[in-house]
Structures are given as C-alpha cells and as structure tokens.
Amino acid sequence: MRKVILSMLTSIDGYIEGTNKDISWHLWNNEMDAYMMDFFKTVDTFIYGRKSYELMLDYWPSQTGSFANIMNEMPKIVFSKTLKNGMMNSKIVNGDVAETIQKEKRKPGKNMVLFAGANIASTFIAKNLIDEYRLIISPVALGSGNPLFQIDKTLNLTLSETKTFQCGNVLLIYQAGKF
C-alpha cells in the first residue's frame, strides 16, 4: 500500500513560516537539492491544500531545471472547496479527504508526499492519514508565526532515521503512531 509522507521544513521551535508568511529563514543548498531529488524518486504524487498549491503556482511555473521540472510535472492532488480547475497536472478534490486518500493509498504506484500548510496537515493528522513525517529542522528559532502542529491530541511518532546537512538543517524521519 502506498504511504502518505508529510515533508515540511520547520524552525527548531516548530514554525513552518514566520510572521507575515516569512520563509526567508529557510536554509537550502546543493546538498538539500540532492536530498530532495533522491526523495522525489520515491514518490509519484504531490498533495496540497489550496493555499500551498496557490503559492506553488506563483513560483514554480516560471522556474527551469530538473528540480523545477519535477515540481511542475508531478501529478498533484489539491484539496479545495473553492478551486474549480487545476493547472500543472493537478486534480482538484473538494470531497472527503479521508475517503480520497484511502482510495489513493490502495492504487498501485509510489508513495505520495504532502507538501502542505498547517491547516491541511492538521486535517491529515487528525484523520490518521500520514504514515511518515519527514521534518527538516532549520537551526533558527522564530518565536512566532504559523506552527506546523495545530492539533489538540497527543501525536506518537517513532524515530526511524536522521540526517544532518552541512547548512545546519537536520532531517528527522518519523513513522506515525496512532492517537
């Protein structure tokens, strides 16, 4: 069965963006590019919420190169109650999140990655739809902003792998437990 993997870059204090949606603190280099290109070989579907999808549309279509090609061409599932038409190989879904993802998990193929904002990630967490968490922790404390985890239950995870990057980021890979 295919897995849903949440992949997010966070500050050490758990924020995915600072105040006013600031992400200028993200650390990225060639080593991070190489990691992500290897990771992309294990997935065949990107999952977005509307806001993350629209941010992606604002940036990636004008970019070039192998990384941009993957971001632009990979099949995407976008959960939105307002969008009607998708661009860049996207399927817009306004139905039940859990039902849709359970059907997708049963299809043949590689894993799916949830590149999301905190709202859709919280929905996936609450419905136990995430199988693996790939958290890239950047060595900065923001103190405020938009936290990744906006849940009101304990989330039990099992650490399965770590990787450090020369830029200071640390990848923590966790397998999901259940509430």
N, C-alpha and C. Protein backbone atom coordinates (compact mmCIF):
# COMPACT_ATOMS: atom_id res chain seq x y z
N MET A 1 0.84 -1.18 0.00
CA MET A 1 0.00 0.00 0.00
C MET A 1 0.89 1.25 0.00
N ARG A 2 0.49 2.22 -0.78
CA ARG A 2 1.22 3.48 -0.83
C ARG A 2 1.12 4.21 0.51
N LYS A 3 2.13 5.01 0.80
CA LYS A 3 2.15 5.80 2.03
C LYS A 3 1.95 7.27 1.70
N VAL A 4 1.43 8.00 2.69
CA VAL A 4 1.42 9.46 2.64
C VAL A 4 2.55 9.93 3.54
N ILE A 5 3.44 10.73 2.98
CA ILE A 5 4.58 11.27 3.70
C ILE A 5 4.42 12.78 3.80
N LEU A 6 4.43 13.29 5.02
CA LEU A 6 4.43 14.74 5.22
C LEU A 6 5.87 15.20 5.18
N SER A 7 6.19 16.12 4.29
CA SER A 7 7.54 16.67 4.19
C SER A 7 7.45 18.17 4.43
N MET A 8 8.08 18.63 5.52
CA MET A 8 8.00 20.04 5.88
C MET A 8 9.33 20.53 6.42
N LEU A 9 9.65 21.77 6.13
CA LEU A 9 10.79 22.44 6.72
C LEU A 9 10.25 23.30 7.85
N THR A 10 10.79 23.13 9.05
CA THR A 10 10.32 23.89 10.20
C THR A 10 11.49 24.53 10.93
N SER A 11 11.17 25.56 11.70
CA SER A 11 12.15 26.14 12.61
C SER A 11 12.31 25.18 13.79
N ILE A 12 13.34 25.39 14.62
CA ILE A 12 13.53 24.49 15.76
C ILE A 12 12.39 24.63 16.78
N ASP A 13 11.66 25.74 16.72
CA ASP A 13 10.52 25.89 17.62
C ASP A 13 9.19 25.55 16.94
N GLY A 14 9.26 24.86 15.80
CA GLY A 14 8.07 24.25 15.20
C GLY A 14 7.25 25.09 14.25
N TYR A 15 7.78 26.22 13.79
CA TYR A 15 7.02 27.06 12.87
C TYR A 15 7.39 26.74 11.41
N ILE A 16 6.38 26.72 10.54
CA ILE A 16 6.65 26.48 9.12
C ILE A 16 6.80 27.79 8.35
N GLU A 17 6.33 28.86 8.96
CA GLU A 17 6.56 30.19 8.41
C GLU A 17 6.52 31.18 9.56
N GLY A 18 7.26 32.26 9.39
CA GLY A 18 7.29 33.29 10.41
C GLY A 18 6.10 34.23 10.27
N THR A 19 6.17 35.31 10.99
CA THR A 19 5.13 36.32 10.91
C THR A 19 5.04 36.85 9.48
N ASN A 20 3.83 37.15 9.04
CA ASN A 20 3.58 37.64 7.67
C ASN A 20 4.03 36.65 6.61
N LYS A 21 3.92 35.34 6.92
CA LYS A 21 4.23 34.26 5.98
C LYS A 21 5.70 34.24 5.54
N ASP A 22 6.59 34.77 6.36
CA ASP A 22 8.00 34.85 6.05
C ASP A 22 8.65 33.47 6.03
N ILE A 23 9.30 33.13 4.92
CA ILE A 23 10.08 31.89 4.83
C ILE A 23 11.53 32.19 4.43
N SER A 24 11.94 33.43 4.58
CA SER A 24 13.30 33.82 4.19
C SER A 24 14.37 33.13 5.04
N TRP A 25 13.98 32.57 6.17
CA TRP A 25 14.90 31.89 7.08
C TRP A 25 15.23 30.47 6.63
N HIS A 26 14.52 29.94 5.63
CA HIS A 26 14.80 28.58 5.14
C HIS A 26 16.24 28.50 4.65
N LEU A 27 16.94 27.47 5.10
CA LEU A 27 18.30 27.22 4.62
C LEU A 27 18.25 26.15 3.55
N TRP A 28 18.84 26.44 2.41
CA TRP A 28 18.81 25.50 1.29
C TRP A 28 20.12 25.60 0.54
N ASN A 29 20.64 24.46 0.12
CA ASN A 29 21.89 24.45 -0.65
C ASN A 29 21.88 23.26 -1.59
N ASN A 30 22.99 23.01 -2.27
CA ASN A 30 23.07 21.90 -3.23
C ASN A 30 22.85 20.56 -2.56
N GLU A 31 23.31 20.40 -1.33
CA GLU A 31 23.10 19.14 -0.61
C GLU A 31 21.62 18.91 -0.35
N MET A 32 20.89 19.97 -0.02
CA MET A 32 19.45 19.86 0.18
C MET A 32 18.76 19.52 -1.15
N ASP A 33 19.22 20.14 -2.23
CA ASP A 33 18.69 19.80 -3.56
C ASP A 33 18.87 18.32 -3.86
N ALA A 34 20.06 17.80 -3.59
CA ALA A 34 20.35 16.39 -3.87
C ALA A 34 19.47 15.48 -3.03
N TYR A 35 19.31 15.80 -1.75
CA TYR A 35 18.42 15.01 -0.90
C TYR A 35 17.00 14.98 -1.49
N MET A 36 16.51 16.15 -1.85
CA MET A 36 15.13 16.23 -2.34
C MET A 36 14.98 15.50 -3.67
N MET A 37 15.97 15.58 -4.55
CA MET A 37 15.90 14.87 -5.82
C MET A 37 15.86 13.36 -5.57
N ASP A 38 16.62 12.85 -4.61
CA ASP A 38 16.55 11.43 -4.26
C ASP A 38 15.18 11.08 -3.68
N PHE A 39 14.66 11.94 -2.83
CA PHE A 39 13.35 11.72 -2.23
C PHE A 39 12.27 11.66 -3.33
N PHE A 40 12.36 12.54 -4.30
CA PHE A 40 11.37 12.57 -5.38
C PHE A 40 11.30 11.25 -6.15
N LYS A 41 12.38 10.49 -6.16
CA LYS A 41 12.38 9.19 -6.84
C LYS A 41 11.45 8.19 -6.15
N THR A 42 11.07 8.46 -4.91
CA THR A 42 10.24 7.52 -4.14
C THR A 42 8.76 7.88 -4.15
N VAL A 43 8.41 8.99 -4.79
CA VAL A 43 7.01 9.44 -4.81
C VAL A 43 6.54 9.66 -6.24
N ASP A 44 5.23 9.56 -6.41
CA ASP A 44 4.67 9.84 -7.73
C ASP A 44 3.46 10.77 -7.68
N THR A 45 3.19 11.35 -6.52
CA THR A 45 2.06 12.27 -6.36
C THR A 45 2.39 13.29 -5.28
N PHE A 46 2.12 14.56 -5.59
CA PHE A 46 2.21 15.62 -4.59
C PHE A 46 0.79 15.93 -4.11
N ILE A 47 0.64 16.20 -2.82
CA ILE A 47 -0.66 16.57 -2.25
C ILE A 47 -0.52 17.97 -1.66
N TYR A 48 -1.51 18.81 -1.97
CA TYR A 48 -1.52 20.18 -1.48
C TYR A 48 -2.90 20.55 -0.95
N GLY A 49 -2.93 21.53 -0.06
CA GLY A 49 -4.13 22.27 0.24
C GLY A 49 -4.17 23.45 -0.71
N ARG A 50 -5.27 24.17 -0.74
CA ARG A 50 -5.41 25.28 -1.68
C ARG A 50 -4.33 26.34 -1.53
N LYS A 51 -4.06 26.78 -0.31
CA LYS A 51 -3.10 27.87 -0.10
C LYS A 51 -1.70 27.47 -0.57
N SER A 52 -1.25 26.29 -0.19
CA SER A 52 0.09 25.83 -0.60
C SER A 52 0.16 25.66 -2.11
N TYR A 53 -0.92 25.16 -2.68
CA TYR A 53 -0.98 24.98 -4.13
C TYR A 53 -0.87 26.33 -4.85
N GLU A 54 -1.59 27.33 -4.36
CA GLU A 54 -1.54 28.64 -5.00
C GLU A 54 -0.15 29.27 -4.86
N LEU A 55 0.50 29.06 -3.71
CA LEU A 55 1.88 29.55 -3.55
C LEU A 55 2.81 28.85 -4.53
N MET A 56 2.61 27.55 -4.71
CA MET A 56 3.42 26.78 -5.65
C MET A 56 3.20 27.31 -7.08
N LEU A 57 1.95 27.61 -7.42
CA LEU A 57 1.64 28.13 -8.75
C LEU A 57 2.27 29.50 -8.99
N ASP A 58 2.42 30.28 -7.93
CA ASP A 58 3.04 31.60 -8.06
C ASP A 58 4.53 31.52 -8.36
N TYR A 59 5.16 30.40 -8.00
CA TYR A 59 6.61 30.33 -8.12
C TYR A 59 7.11 29.38 -9.21
N TRP A 60 6.68 28.11 -9.18
CA TRP A 60 7.33 27.08 -9.98
C TRP A 60 7.14 27.17 -11.49
N PRO A 61 6.01 27.59 -12.03
CA PRO A 61 5.88 27.57 -13.50
C PRO A 61 6.93 28.40 -14.23
N SER A 62 7.46 29.42 -13.59
CA SER A 62 8.46 30.26 -14.27
C SER A 62 9.89 29.77 -14.03
N GLN A 63 10.07 28.72 -13.25
CA GLN A 63 11.41 28.21 -12.95
C GLN A 63 11.82 27.15 -13.98
N THR A 64 13.12 26.94 -14.11
CA THR A 64 13.63 25.95 -15.04
C THR A 64 14.62 25.03 -14.31
N GLY A 65 14.95 23.93 -14.95
CA GLY A 65 15.90 22.98 -14.39
C GLY A 65 15.20 21.71 -13.95
N SER A 66 16.00 20.71 -13.57
CA SER A 66 15.43 19.40 -13.25
C SER A 66 14.53 19.44 -12.02
N PHE A 67 14.89 20.23 -11.00
CA PHE A 67 14.05 20.35 -9.81
C PHE A 67 12.70 20.97 -10.19
N ALA A 68 12.76 22.06 -10.94
CA ALA A 68 11.53 22.74 -11.37
C ALA A 68 10.69 21.84 -12.26
N ASN A 69 11.33 21.05 -13.12
CA ASN A 69 10.58 20.14 -13.98
C ASN A 69 9.76 19.16 -13.16
N ILE A 70 10.35 18.63 -12.10
CA ILE A 70 9.62 17.70 -11.24
C ILE A 70 8.46 18.42 -10.56
N MET A 71 8.73 19.60 -10.00
CA MET A 71 7.68 20.35 -9.31
C MET A 71 6.52 20.68 -10.26
N ASN A 72 6.84 20.97 -11.48
CA ASN A 72 5.81 21.35 -12.45
C ASN A 72 5.06 20.17 -13.05
N GLU A 73 5.75 19.03 -13.24
CA GLU A 73 5.17 17.92 -13.97
C GLU A 73 4.57 16.81 -13.11
N MET A 74 4.98 16.71 -11.86
CA MET A 74 4.48 15.64 -10.98
C MET A 74 2.96 15.75 -10.84
N PRO A 75 2.23 14.64 -10.93
CA PRO A 75 0.78 14.68 -10.66
C PRO A 75 0.50 15.20 -9.26
N LYS A 76 -0.55 16.00 -9.16
CA LYS A 76 -0.88 16.64 -7.90
C LYS A 76 -2.35 16.42 -7.55
N ILE A 77 -2.61 16.25 -6.26
CA ILE A 77 -3.97 16.24 -5.72
C ILE A 77 -4.07 17.49 -4.86
N VAL A 78 -5.07 18.30 -5.13
CA VAL A 78 -5.25 19.55 -4.41
C VAL A 78 -6.62 19.53 -3.73
N PHE A 79 -6.62 19.67 -2.41
CA PHE A 79 -7.87 19.73 -1.67
C PHE A 79 -8.30 21.18 -1.54
N SER A 80 -9.49 21.47 -2.09
CA SER A 80 -10.00 22.84 -2.05
C SER A 80 -11.52 22.82 -2.19
N LYS A 81 -12.16 23.68 -1.44
CA LYS A 81 -13.61 23.85 -1.57
C LYS A 81 -13.94 24.97 -2.55
N THR A 82 -12.94 25.75 -2.97
CA THR A 82 -13.21 26.90 -3.82
C THR A 82 -12.64 26.78 -5.24
N LEU A 83 -11.52 26.08 -5.41
CA LEU A 83 -10.93 25.96 -6.75
C LEU A 83 -11.77 25.02 -7.60
N LYS A 84 -11.89 25.35 -8.86
CA LYS A 84 -12.66 24.51 -9.79
C LYS A 84 -11.76 23.79 -10.79
N ASN A 85 -10.72 24.47 -11.25
CA ASN A 85 -9.84 23.91 -12.27
C ASN A 85 -8.40 23.89 -11.79
N GLY A 86 -7.72 22.80 -12.08
CA GLY A 86 -6.33 22.68 -11.69
C GLY A 86 -5.40 22.94 -12.86
N MET A 87 -4.21 23.37 -12.53
CA MET A 87 -3.16 23.58 -13.52
C MET A 87 -1.98 22.70 -13.14
N MET A 88 -1.05 22.54 -14.04
CA MET A 88 0.19 21.81 -13.78
C MET A 88 -0.06 20.38 -13.32
N ASN A 89 -0.86 19.65 -14.11
CA ASN A 89 -1.07 18.22 -13.84
C ASN A 89 -1.75 17.99 -12.49
N SER A 90 -2.76 18.81 -12.18
CA SER A 90 -3.43 18.77 -10.88
C SER A 90 -4.87 18.30 -10.99
N LYS A 91 -5.28 17.55 -9.97
CA LYS A 91 -6.66 17.13 -9.83
C LYS A 91 -7.19 17.84 -8.58
N ILE A 92 -8.25 18.64 -8.74
CA ILE A 92 -8.86 19.35 -7.62
C ILE A 92 -9.91 18.44 -6.98
N VAL A 93 -9.83 18.31 -5.66
CA VAL A 93 -10.76 17.46 -4.91
C VAL A 93 -11.45 18.33 -3.85
N ASN A 94 -12.77 18.33 -3.87
CA ASN A 94 -13.49 19.05 -2.82
C ASN A 94 -14.32 18.10 -1.97
N GLY A 95 -14.07 16.82 -2.12
CA GLY A 95 -14.80 15.80 -1.36
C GLY A 95 -14.10 15.44 -0.06
N ASP A 96 -14.49 14.32 0.49
CA ASP A 96 -13.98 13.84 1.76
C ASP A 96 -12.48 13.52 1.66
N VAL A 97 -11.68 14.17 2.51
CA VAL A 97 -10.23 13.99 2.48
C VAL A 97 -9.84 12.55 2.77
N ALA A 98 -10.39 11.99 3.85
CA ALA A 98 -10.01 10.63 4.26
C ALA A 98 -10.39 9.60 3.20
N GLU A 99 -11.58 9.71 2.67
CA GLU A 99 -12.03 8.76 1.65
C GLU A 99 -11.14 8.84 0.41
N THR A 100 -10.84 10.06 -0.02
CA THR A 100 -10.00 10.26 -1.20
C THR A 100 -8.61 9.67 -0.99
N ILE A 101 -8.00 9.94 0.16
CA ILE A 101 -6.65 9.47 0.42
C ILE A 101 -6.62 7.95 0.59
N GLN A 102 -7.60 7.39 1.25
CA GLN A 102 -7.63 5.92 1.39
C GLN A 102 -7.72 5.25 0.01
N LYS A 103 -8.51 5.80 -0.89
CA LYS A 103 -8.57 5.26 -2.26
C LYS A 103 -7.22 5.39 -2.96
N GLU A 104 -6.58 6.54 -2.81
CA GLU A 104 -5.28 6.77 -3.44
C GLU A 104 -4.22 5.81 -2.89
N LYS A 105 -4.28 5.54 -1.59
CA LYS A 105 -3.31 4.63 -0.98
C LYS A 105 -3.43 3.22 -1.55
N ARG A 106 -4.62 2.82 -1.94
CA ARG A 106 -4.83 1.47 -2.46
C ARG A 106 -4.42 1.34 -3.93
N LYS A 107 -4.23 2.43 -4.62
CA LYS A 107 -3.82 2.38 -6.02
C LYS A 107 -2.36 1.95 -6.12
N PRO A 108 -2.00 1.29 -7.23
CA PRO A 108 -0.59 0.95 -7.41
C PRO A 108 0.23 2.22 -7.63
N GLY A 109 1.49 2.15 -7.27
CA GLY A 109 2.37 3.29 -7.51
C GLY A 109 3.31 3.52 -6.35
N LYS A 110 3.99 4.62 -6.44
CA LYS A 110 4.94 5.03 -5.40
C LYS A 110 4.18 5.77 -4.30
N ASN A 111 4.91 6.23 -3.31
CA ASN A 111 4.31 6.98 -2.22
C ASN A 111 3.86 8.36 -2.68
N MET A 112 3.09 9.01 -1.82
CA MET A 112 2.60 10.37 -2.06
C MET A 112 3.21 11.28 -1.00
N VAL A 113 3.49 12.52 -1.38
CA VAL A 113 4.05 13.47 -0.41
C VAL A 113 3.09 14.63 -0.23
N LEU A 114 2.84 14.95 1.03
CA LEU A 114 2.00 16.08 1.41
C LEU A 114 2.91 17.27 1.64
N PHE A 115 2.91 18.20 0.68
CA PHE A 115 3.59 19.49 0.83
C PHE A 115 2.47 20.45 1.18
N ALA A 116 2.35 20.79 2.43
CA ALA A 116 1.12 21.45 2.84
C ALA A 116 1.37 22.55 3.85
N GLY A 117 0.32 23.33 4.02
CA GLY A 117 0.29 24.27 5.12
C GLY A 117 -0.24 23.57 6.36
N ALA A 118 -0.23 24.30 7.44
CA ALA A 118 -0.62 23.73 8.72
C ALA A 118 -2.08 23.28 8.75
N ASN A 119 -2.97 23.96 8.04
CA ASN A 119 -4.39 23.58 8.08
C ASN A 119 -4.63 22.21 7.49
N ILE A 120 -4.16 21.97 6.28
CA ILE A 120 -4.41 20.67 5.65
C ILE A 120 -3.58 19.59 6.35
N ALA A 121 -2.38 19.94 6.83
CA ALA A 121 -1.60 18.96 7.58
C ALA A 121 -2.34 18.55 8.84
N SER A 122 -2.96 19.50 9.52
CA SER A 122 -3.74 19.18 10.74
C SER A 122 -4.91 18.27 10.42
N THR A 123 -5.55 18.48 9.29
CA THR A 123 -6.65 17.61 8.87
C THR A 123 -6.14 16.19 8.66
N PHE A 124 -5.03 16.06 7.95
CA PHE A 124 -4.44 14.74 7.71
C PHE A 124 -4.03 14.07 9.01
N ILE A 125 -3.44 14.85 9.93
CA ILE A 125 -3.02 14.29 11.22
C ILE A 125 -4.23 13.81 12.01
N ALA A 126 -5.26 14.64 12.08
CA ALA A 126 -6.46 14.29 12.85
C ALA A 126 -7.14 13.04 12.32
N LYS A 127 -7.03 12.80 11.01
CA LYS A 127 -7.69 11.65 10.39
C LYS A 127 -6.73 10.46 10.24
N ASN A 128 -5.56 10.56 10.87
CA ASN A 128 -4.56 9.48 10.82
C ASN A 128 -4.20 9.07 9.39
N LEU A 129 -4.02 10.04 8.52
CA LEU A 129 -3.72 9.76 7.12
C LEU A 129 -2.23 9.80 6.80
N ILE A 130 -1.42 10.30 7.72
CA ILE A 130 0.02 10.43 7.47
C ILE A 130 0.72 9.20 8.03
N ASP A 131 1.50 8.55 7.18
CA ASP A 131 2.25 7.36 7.56
C ASP A 131 3.67 7.68 8.01
N GLU A 132 4.22 8.74 7.43
CA GLU A 132 5.61 9.09 7.73
C GLU A 132 5.75 10.60 7.75
N TYR A 133 6.53 11.09 8.70
CA TYR A 133 6.81 12.52 8.84
C TYR A 133 8.28 12.74 8.52
N ARG A 134 8.55 13.58 7.54
CA ARG A 134 9.93 13.96 7.20
C ARG A 134 10.05 15.44 7.53
N LEU A 135 10.56 15.71 8.70
CA LEU A 135 10.68 17.08 9.18
C LEU A 135 12.11 17.54 9.01
N ILE A 136 12.30 18.59 8.24
CA ILE A 136 13.61 19.19 8.07
C ILE A 136 13.65 20.38 9.02
N ILE A 137 14.47 20.25 10.06
CA ILE A 137 14.55 21.27 11.09
C ILE A 137 15.67 22.23 10.75
N SER A 138 15.32 23.50 10.61
CA SER A 138 16.31 24.53 10.30
C SER A 138 16.77 25.17 11.61
N PRO A 139 18.05 25.49 11.75
CA PRO A 139 18.59 25.96 13.02
C PRO A 139 18.27 27.44 13.30
N VAL A 140 17.00 27.73 13.39
CA VAL A 140 16.56 29.08 13.72
C VAL A 140 15.31 28.96 14.59
N ALA A 141 15.22 29.81 15.58
CA ALA A 141 14.02 29.89 16.41
C ALA A 141 13.30 31.18 16.03
N LEU A 142 12.04 31.06 15.64
CA LEU A 142 11.28 32.22 15.18
C LEU A 142 10.51 32.91 16.30
N GLY A 143 10.08 32.16 17.28
CA GLY A 143 9.33 32.75 18.39
C GLY A 143 7.86 32.97 18.12
N SER A 144 7.50 33.11 16.85
CA SER A 144 6.09 33.26 16.48
C SER A 144 5.95 32.97 15.00
N GLY A 145 4.73 32.82 14.58
CA GLY A 145 4.45 32.52 13.18
C GLY A 145 3.37 31.47 13.08
N ASN A 146 3.46 30.64 12.07
CA ASN A 146 2.47 29.60 11.81
C ASN A 146 3.06 28.25 12.20
N PRO A 147 2.57 27.64 13.31
CA PRO A 147 3.14 26.36 13.73
C PRO A 147 2.65 25.22 12.85
N LEU A 148 3.50 24.22 12.67
CA LEU A 148 3.11 23.04 11.91
C LEU A 148 2.00 22.28 12.62
N PHE A 149 2.22 22.00 13.89
CA PHE A 149 1.27 21.14 14.62
C PHE A 149 0.21 21.99 15.30
N GLN A 150 -0.99 21.93 14.74
CA GLN A 150 -2.15 22.63 15.28
C GLN A 150 -3.20 21.59 15.65
N ILE A 151 -2.82 20.72 16.58
CA ILE A 151 -3.69 19.61 16.96
C ILE A 151 -3.94 19.68 18.46
N ASP A 152 -5.00 19.03 18.88
CA ASP A 152 -5.34 19.04 20.30
C ASP A 152 -5.26 17.66 20.93
N LYS A 153 -4.49 16.77 20.29
CA LYS A 153 -4.28 15.41 20.80
C LYS A 153 -2.80 15.10 20.77
N THR A 154 -2.40 14.12 21.52
CA THR A 154 -1.01 13.67 21.51
C THR A 154 -0.75 12.91 20.22
N LEU A 155 0.37 13.19 19.61
CA LEU A 155 0.80 12.51 18.40
C LEU A 155 2.04 11.69 18.73
N ASN A 156 1.91 10.38 18.68
CA ASN A 156 3.02 9.49 19.00
C ASN A 156 3.73 9.09 17.72
N LEU A 157 5.03 9.38 17.67
CA LEU A 157 5.84 9.08 16.50
C LEU A 157 7.04 8.24 16.92
N THR A 158 7.55 7.45 15.97
CA THR A 158 8.73 6.65 16.23
C THR A 158 9.83 7.09 15.27
N LEU A 159 10.94 7.54 15.83
CA LEU A 159 12.07 7.99 15.02
C LEU A 159 12.67 6.81 14.27
N SER A 160 12.80 6.95 12.95
CA SER A 160 13.36 5.85 12.16
C SER A 160 14.68 6.21 11.48
N GLU A 161 14.95 7.51 11.32
CA GLU A 161 16.18 7.90 10.62
C GLU A 161 16.46 9.37 10.88
N THR A 162 17.74 9.73 10.87
CA THR A 162 18.14 11.13 10.94
C THR A 162 19.23 11.39 9.91
N LYS A 163 19.35 12.64 9.51
CA LYS A 163 20.42 13.03 8.59
C LYS A 163 20.73 14.50 8.88
N THR A 164 22.00 14.81 8.96
CA THR A 164 22.40 16.20 9.13
C THR A 164 22.94 16.73 7.80
N PHE A 165 22.73 18.01 7.59
CA PHE A 165 23.18 18.67 6.37
C PHE A 165 24.21 19.74 6.73
N GLN A 166 25.12 19.99 5.84
CA GLN A 166 26.19 20.96 6.08
C GLN A 166 25.65 22.37 6.35
N CYS A 167 24.49 22.69 5.82
CA CYS A 167 23.91 24.02 6.02
C CYS A 167 23.35 24.19 7.44
N GLY A 168 23.30 23.10 8.21
CA GLY A 168 22.77 23.18 9.57
C GLY A 168 21.42 22.54 9.74
N ASN A 169 20.73 22.23 8.66
CA ASN A 169 19.44 21.55 8.75
C ASN A 169 19.63 20.12 9.24
N VAL A 170 18.60 19.60 9.88
CA VAL A 170 18.59 18.21 10.33
C VAL A 170 17.28 17.58 9.86
N LEU A 171 17.37 16.46 9.19
CA LEU A 171 16.19 15.71 8.76
C LEU A 171 15.86 14.68 9.84
N LEU A 172 14.63 14.70 10.29
CA LEU A 172 14.13 13.70 11.23
C LEU A 172 13.00 12.96 10.53
N ILE A 173 13.14 11.65 10.40
CA ILE A 173 12.11 10.84 9.76
C ILE A 173 11.43 10.02 10.85
N TYR A 174 10.14 10.22 10.98
CA TYR A 174 9.34 9.53 11.99
C TYR A 174 8.27 8.69 11.31
N GLN A 175 8.00 7.54 11.89
CA GLN A 175 6.86 6.72 11.47
C GLN A 175 5.70 7.08 12.40
N ALA A 176 4.52 7.15 11.83
CA ALA A 176 3.36 7.58 12.58
C ALA A 176 2.87 6.51 13.56
N GLY A 177 2.44 6.98 14.69
CA GLY A 177 1.70 6.15 15.64
C GLY A 177 0.23 6.53 15.52
N LYS A 178 -0.57 6.08 16.40
CA LYS A 178 -1.99 6.41 16.38
C LYS A 178 -2.35 7.19 17.63
N PHE A 179 -3.41 8.02 17.54
CA PHE A 179 -3.87 8.76 18.70
C PHE A 179 -4.37 7.80 19.75
